[in-house]
Amino acid sequence: MVIATELCAMSEYRIWPGTGKLFVRRDGKPIFLGSSKAQSLTLQRKKPAKLVWTQAWRRLHKKGLSETTLKKRRTRSNKVQRAVVGLSLDDIKKKAAQKPEFRSAQREAALKEVKDRKKANKAKSGGKGAGQSVRAPKVPKNVKRR
């Protein structure tokens, strides 16, 4: 035998036949209240979500859901190598496959080439650059000047 039960508008608990009150609002909407506590709080216009013992509060604060639902499974994103401006994907893979000694030797050779170029530029200009950089001495900002 199935017994028709209502839900309390405040607490959302079941109201069994013969208990609770039916309150009809001014707009004509019927509200079922399970206890005098629920009725009192409804008439005071208290929000169910702010009362810890109500189902609305428990739903809002995610209480009692652990046994019913499992945690969502996150799909892991796969890493994908992409080409960089100036290097194709094949070039990147070749560089990654090279031995570290070979790469460090290449780096040193490139640095040496840059240094040689700078020396050549300095020799062309005739060392004029050293005389031009005469500046006033730097003074700290937080020191008071007189």
Protein backbone atom coordinates (compact mmCIF):
# COMPACT_ATOMS: atom_id res chain seq x y z
CA MET A 1 0.00 0.00 0.00
CA VAL A 2 1.40 3.37 -1.05
CA ILE A 3 0.83 6.30 1.30
CA ALA A 4 0.60 9.75 -0.28
CA THR A 5 3.09 12.08 1.40
CA GLU A 6 3.78 15.74 0.82
CA LEU A 7 7.08 17.61 1.07
CA CYS A 8 7.54 20.40 3.62
CA ALA A 9 8.15 23.74 1.88
CA MET A 10 10.76 24.75 4.47
CA SER A 11 12.68 21.60 5.38
CA GLU A 12 11.79 19.37 2.41
CA TYR A 13 11.13 16.50 4.83
CA ARG A 14 8.20 14.13 4.12
CA ILE A 15 4.88 15.02 5.71
CA TRP A 16 2.86 11.92 6.60
CA PRO A 17 -0.94 11.96 6.56
CA GLY A 18 -2.42 13.47 9.72
CA THR A 19 0.60 15.68 10.45
CA GLY A 20 1.65 19.16 9.38
CA LYS A 21 -0.36 22.14 8.20
CA LEU A 22 -1.46 23.46 4.83
CA PHE A 23 -0.81 27.19 4.57
CA VAL A 24 -2.32 29.07 1.61
CA ARG A 25 -0.44 32.21 0.60
CA ARG A 26 -2.08 35.44 -0.51
CA ASP A 27 -1.44 34.58 -4.14
CA GLY A 28 -3.34 31.31 -3.64
CA LYS A 29 -0.34 28.96 -3.67
CA PRO A 30 -0.69 26.14 -1.10
CA ILE A 31 2.35 25.52 1.08
CA PHE A 32 2.71 22.36 3.14
CA LEU A 33 4.54 22.80 6.45
CA GLY A 34 5.62 19.75 8.40
CA SER A 35 6.11 21.21 11.86
CA SER A 36 5.42 24.28 13.95
CA LYS A 37 9.14 25.06 13.69
CA ALA A 38 8.90 25.10 9.88
CA GLN A 39 5.70 27.19 10.05
CA SER A 40 7.26 29.74 12.41
CA LEU A 41 10.37 30.14 10.28
CA THR A 42 8.31 30.41 7.07
CA LEU A 43 6.16 33.18 8.58
CA GLN A 44 9.40 34.96 9.64
CA ARG A 45 10.44 34.73 5.97
CA LYS A 46 13.64 32.84 6.78
CA LYS A 47 15.48 31.33 3.84
CA PRO A 48 15.75 27.52 4.03
CA ALA A 49 19.25 27.64 2.50
CA LYS A 50 20.52 29.53 5.57
CA LEU A 51 19.19 27.00 8.08
CA VAL A 52 21.65 24.17 8.64
CA TRP A 53 19.03 21.48 9.35
CA THR A 54 17.13 21.91 6.06
CA GLN A 55 17.66 19.91 2.89
CA ALA A 56 18.18 23.14 0.91
CA TRP A 57 21.24 23.99 3.04
CA ARG A 58 22.60 20.44 2.71
CA ARG A 59 22.17 20.56 -1.07
CA LEU A 60 23.85 23.99 -1.27
CA HIS A 61 26.85 22.81 0.79
CA LYS A 62 27.14 19.42 -1.00
CA LYS A 63 26.42 17.27 2.08
CA GLY A 64 25.45 13.60 1.89
CA LEU A 65 26.30 13.14 -1.80
CA SER A 66 29.43 10.99 -1.35
CA GLU A 67 27.65 7.62 -1.34
CA THR A 68 25.22 8.45 -4.15
CA THR A 69 27.55 9.91 -6.77
CA LEU A 70 31.12 9.14 -7.65
CA LYS A 71 33.71 11.77 -8.44
CA LYS A 72 33.85 12.88 -12.05
CA ARG A 73 36.65 11.33 -14.05
CA ARG A 74 38.83 13.89 -15.74
CA THR A 75 40.15 13.14 -19.18
CA ARG A 76 43.83 13.83 -19.34
CA SER A 77 44.94 16.01 -22.22
CA ASN A 78 47.65 14.53 -24.42
CA LYS A 79 50.76 16.55 -25.10
CA VAL A 80 51.24 17.36 -28.75
CA GLN A 81 54.46 18.72 -30.20
CA ARG A 82 53.98 21.61 -32.57
CA ALA A 83 56.29 23.55 -34.81
CA VAL A 84 57.71 26.84 -33.52
CA VAL A 85 58.19 29.94 -35.65
CA GLY A 86 61.47 29.43 -37.46
CA LEU A 87 61.70 25.68 -36.75
CA SER A 88 59.66 22.89 -38.26
CA LEU A 89 58.62 19.86 -36.23
CA ASP A 90 61.23 17.70 -37.99
CA ASP A 91 64.01 20.14 -37.04
CA ILE A 92 62.89 20.10 -33.39
CA LYS A 93 62.89 16.30 -33.32
CA LYS A 94 66.38 16.20 -34.89
CA LYS A 95 67.73 18.62 -32.27
CA ALA A 96 66.19 16.57 -29.44
CA ALA A 97 67.85 13.42 -30.84
CA GLN A 98 71.32 15.06 -31.00
CA LYS A 99 73.85 14.33 -28.27
CA PRO A 100 74.42 17.06 -25.66
CA GLU A 101 78.16 17.30 -26.44
CA PHE A 102 77.43 18.06 -30.09
CA ARG A 103 74.88 20.73 -29.15
CA SER A 104 77.22 22.41 -26.62
CA ALA A 105 79.99 22.46 -29.27
CA GLN A 106 77.58 24.14 -31.70
CA ARG A 107 76.61 26.71 -29.06
CA GLU A 108 80.26 27.53 -28.30
CA ALA A 109 81.02 27.93 -32.00
CA ALA A 110 78.08 30.33 -32.40
CA LEU A 111 79.20 32.37 -29.36
CA LYS A 112 82.74 32.54 -30.69
CA GLU A 113 81.42 33.79 -34.05
CA VAL A 114 79.40 36.54 -32.34
CA LYS A 115 82.41 37.64 -30.28
CA ASP A 116 84.60 37.78 -33.40
CA ARG A 117 81.97 39.94 -35.14
CA LYS A 118 81.86 42.33 -32.19
CA LYS A 119 85.66 42.60 -32.21
CA ALA A 120 85.61 43.35 -35.94
CA ASN A 121 82.98 46.07 -35.45
CA LYS A 122 84.99 47.63 -32.61
CA ALA A 123 88.12 47.65 -34.74
CA LYS A 124 86.23 49.35 -37.63
CA SER A 125 84.85 52.13 -35.42
CA GLY A 126 88.32 52.82 -34.04
CA GLY A 127 87.42 52.74 -30.34
CA LYS A 128 85.30 55.91 -30.48
CA GLY A 129 82.53 54.33 -28.42
CA ALA A 130 84.44 54.56 -25.14
CA GLY A 131 84.72 58.39 -25.19
CA GLN A 132 81.03 59.05 -25.85
CA SER A 133 79.54 57.40 -22.76
CA VAL A 134 80.25 60.17 -20.23
CA ARG A 135 77.27 60.49 -17.90
CA ALA A 136 76.49 62.12 -14.60
CA PRO A 137 76.95 59.78 -11.62
CA LYS A 138 73.79 57.98 -10.52
CA VAL A 139 72.22 59.29 -7.32
CA PRO A 140 69.86 57.10 -5.28
CA LYS A 141 66.26 58.35 -5.33
CA ASN A 142 65.60 58.08 -1.61
CA VAL A 143 68.53 60.33 -0.59
CA LYS A 144 67.69 64.02 -0.06
CA ARG A 145 69.76 66.40 -2.16
CA ARG A 146 70.67 69.93 -1.04
